[in-house]
């Protein structure tokens, strides 16, 4: 997990303005949020499927490409706002 985190930091830090890795006790999804607060934003969600390799789980993509976000986009946007208020920063030695 630490090697993956280090690789992602090296890869994304030069091109991402606000890069954070958070953990939440009841995580059932992995997600990437790109410019998600504004029109033109992109949200990628991957539900963790029991017993499946996370690298091969199905994923869903949501785009904010109208004046207002779609209902699905809005739900994931509100979910991220909730997580940002409750999740803890990922620290070395934590997690499974």
C-alpha atoms as a PDB file:
ATOM      1  CA  UNK A   1       0.000   0.000   0.000  1.00  0.00           C
ATOM      2  CA  UNK A   2       2.821   2.396   0.844  1.00  0.00           C
ATOM      3  CA  UNK A   3       4.583   1.676  -2.451  1.00  0.00           C
ATOM      4  CA  UNK A   4       1.353   2.434  -4.343  1.00  0.00           C
ATOM      5  CA  UNK A   5       0.879   5.646  -2.381  1.00  0.00           C
ATOM      6  CA  UNK A   6       4.443   6.739  -3.097  1.00  0.00           C
ATOM      7  CA  UNK A   7       4.064   5.952  -6.814  1.00  0.00           C
ATOM      8  CA  UNK A   8       0.793   7.892  -7.027  1.00  0.00           C
ATOM      9  CA  UNK A   9       2.325  10.876  -5.214  1.00  0.00           C
ATOM     10  CA  UNK A  10       5.266  10.923  -7.630  1.00  0.00           C
ATOM     11  CA  UNK A  11       3.003  10.585 -10.654  1.00  0.00           C
ATOM     12  CA  UNK A  12       0.250  13.021  -9.697  1.00  0.00           C
ATOM     13  CA  UNK A  13       1.949  15.721  -7.605  1.00  0.00           C
ATOM     14  CA  UNK A  14       3.346  17.634 -10.606  1.00  0.00           C
ATOM     15  CA  UNK A  15      -0.078  17.879 -12.286  1.00  0.00           C
ATOM     16  CA  UNK A  16      -2.598  18.018  -9.432  1.00  0.00           C
ATOM     17  CA  UNK A  17      -3.259  21.183  -7.464  1.00  0.00           C
ATOM     18  CA  UNK A  18      -5.021  19.595  -4.464  1.00  0.00           C
ATOM     19  CA  UNK A  19      -3.867  15.986  -4.016  1.00  0.00           C
ATOM     20  CA  UNK A  20      -5.045  14.181  -0.888  1.00  0.00           C
ATOM     21  CA  UNK A  21      -5.306  10.547   0.103  1.00  0.00           C
ATOM     22  CA  UNK A  22      -8.020  10.029   2.703  1.00  0.00           C
ATOM     23  CA  UNK A  23      -9.352   7.032   4.521  1.00  0.00           C
ATOM     24  CA  UNK A  24     -12.775   6.473   5.937  1.00  0.00           C
ATOM     25  CA  UNK A  25     -13.835   3.563   8.127  1.00  0.00           C
ATOM     26  CA  UNK A  26     -16.744   2.460   5.937  1.00  0.00           C
ATOM     27  CA  UNK A  27     -15.129   2.776   2.518  1.00  0.00           C
ATOM     28  CA  UNK A  28     -16.945   0.749  -0.099  1.00  0.00           C
ATOM     29  CA  UNK A  29     -15.805   2.714  -3.151  1.00  0.00           C
ATOM     30  CA  UNK A  30     -12.622   4.087  -4.627  1.00  0.00           C
ATOM     31  CA  UNK A  31     -12.860   7.355  -6.483  1.00  0.00           C
ATOM     32  CA  UNK A  32     -11.010  10.051  -8.370  1.00  0.00           C
ATOM     33  CA  UNK A  33     -12.413  13.557  -8.402  1.00  0.00           C
ATOM     34  CA  UNK A  34     -11.049  15.995 -11.016  1.00  0.00           C
ATOM     35  CA  UNK A  35     -12.186  19.645 -10.898  1.00  0.00           C
ATOM     36  CA  UNK A  36     -15.349  18.212  -9.329  1.00  0.00           C
ATOM     37  CA  UNK A  37     -16.602  21.436  -7.709  1.00  0.00           C
ATOM     38  CA  UNK A  38     -17.227  23.249 -11.008  1.00  0.00           C
ATOM     39  CA  UNK A  39     -18.847  22.712 -14.421  1.00  0.00           C
ATOM     40  CA  UNK A  40     -16.550  20.571 -16.547  1.00  0.00           C
ATOM     41  CA  UNK A  41     -15.721  18.378 -13.543  1.00  0.00           C
ATOM     42  CA  UNK A  42     -15.176  14.636 -13.706  1.00  0.00           C
ATOM     43  CA  UNK A  43     -15.838  11.953 -11.078  1.00  0.00           C
ATOM     44  CA  UNK A  44     -14.654   8.344 -11.457  1.00  0.00           C
ATOM     45  CA  UNK A  45     -16.125   5.803  -9.014  1.00  0.00           C
ATOM     46  CA  UNK A  46     -15.188   2.155  -8.581  1.00  0.00           C
ATOM     47  CA  UNK A  47     -17.278   0.110  -6.146  1.00  0.00           C
ATOM     48  CA  UNK A  48     -15.267  -2.505  -4.280  1.00  0.00           C
ATOM     49  CA  UNK A  49     -16.835  -5.851  -5.138  1.00  0.00           C
ATOM     50  CA  UNK A  50     -16.497  -8.576  -2.501  1.00  0.00           C
ATOM     51  CA  UNK A  51     -13.654 -10.957  -3.323  1.00  0.00           C
ATOM     52  CA  UNK A  52     -12.769  -9.195  -6.585  1.00  0.00           C
ATOM     53  CA  UNK A  53      -9.456  -7.620  -7.462  1.00  0.00           C
ATOM     54  CA  UNK A  54      -9.957  -3.820  -7.132  1.00  0.00           C
ATOM     55  CA  UNK A  55      -8.021  -3.351 -10.378  1.00  0.00           C
ATOM     56  CA  UNK A  56     -10.724  -5.205 -12.319  1.00  0.00           C
ATOM     57  CA  UNK A  57     -13.906  -3.996 -10.558  1.00  0.00           C
ATOM     58  CA  UNK A  58     -16.407  -2.178 -12.772  1.00  0.00           C
ATOM     59  CA  UNK A  59     -16.266   1.608 -12.727  1.00  0.00           C
ATOM     60  CA  UNK A  60     -18.596   4.508 -13.456  1.00  0.00           C
ATOM     61  CA  UNK A  61     -17.705   7.932 -14.820  1.00  0.00           C
ATOM     62  CA  UNK A  62     -19.713  11.104 -14.277  1.00  0.00           C
ATOM     63  CA  UNK A  63     -19.198  14.419 -16.066  1.00  0.00           C
ATOM     64  CA  UNK A  64     -20.595  17.836 -15.183  1.00  0.00           C
ATOM     65  CA  UNK A  65     -21.172  19.093 -18.722  1.00  0.00           C
ATOM     66  CA  UNK A  66     -24.262  21.265 -18.348  1.00  0.00           C
ATOM     67  CA  UNK A  67     -25.283  24.313 -16.296  1.00  0.00           C
ATOM     68  CA  UNK A  68     -26.141  22.109 -13.327  1.00  0.00           C
ATOM     69  CA  UNK A  69     -24.748  18.675 -12.473  1.00  0.00           C
ATOM     70  CA  UNK A  70     -26.823  15.561 -13.099  1.00  0.00           C
ATOM     71  CA  UNK A  71     -28.565  14.036 -10.051  1.00  0.00           C
ATOM     72  CA  UNK A  72     -25.964  11.236  -9.979  1.00  0.00           C
ATOM     73  CA  UNK A  73     -23.052  13.677 -10.172  1.00  0.00           C
ATOM     74  CA  UNK A  74     -24.603  15.792  -7.421  1.00  0.00           C
ATOM     75  CA  UNK A  75     -24.902  12.763  -5.103  1.00  0.00           C
ATOM     76  CA  UNK A  76     -21.204  11.877  -5.527  1.00  0.00           C
ATOM     77  CA  UNK A  77     -20.256  15.555  -5.153  1.00  0.00           C
ATOM     78  CA  UNK A  78     -22.205  15.768  -1.873  1.00  0.00           C
ATOM     79  CA  UNK A  79     -20.650  12.466  -0.800  1.00  0.00           C
ATOM     80  CA  UNK A  80     -17.156  13.857  -1.321  1.00  0.00           C
ATOM     81  CA  UNK A  81     -18.044  16.993   0.634  1.00  0.00           C
ATOM     82  CA  UNK A  82     -19.194  14.732   3.486  1.00  0.00           C
ATOM     83  CA  UNK A  83     -16.011  12.648   3.326  1.00  0.00           C
ATOM     84  CA  UNK A  84     -13.795  15.733   3.328  1.00  0.00           C
ATOM     85  CA  UNK A  85     -15.462  16.750   6.571  1.00  0.00           C
ATOM     86  CA  UNK A  86     -15.114  13.349   8.247  1.00  0.00           C
ATOM     87  CA  UNK A  87     -12.219  11.388   6.725  1.00  0.00           C
ATOM     88  CA  UNK A  88      -8.728  11.284   8.174  1.00  0.00           C
ATOM     89  CA  UNK A  89      -5.577  11.826   6.109  1.00  0.00           C
ATOM     90  CA  UNK A  90      -3.922   8.566   5.127  1.00  0.00           C
ATOM     91  CA  UNK A  91      -0.802   8.057   7.203  1.00  0.00           C
ATOM     92  CA  UNK A  92       1.990   5.540   6.876  1.00  0.00           C
ATOM     93  CA  UNK A  93       1.261   2.351   8.760  1.00  0.00           C
ATOM     94  CA  UNK A  94      -2.521   2.812   8.726  1.00  0.00           C
ATOM     95  CA  UNK A  95      -5.034   0.773   6.799  1.00  0.00           C
ATOM     96  CA  UNK A  96      -5.213  -2.856   5.754  1.00  0.00           C
END
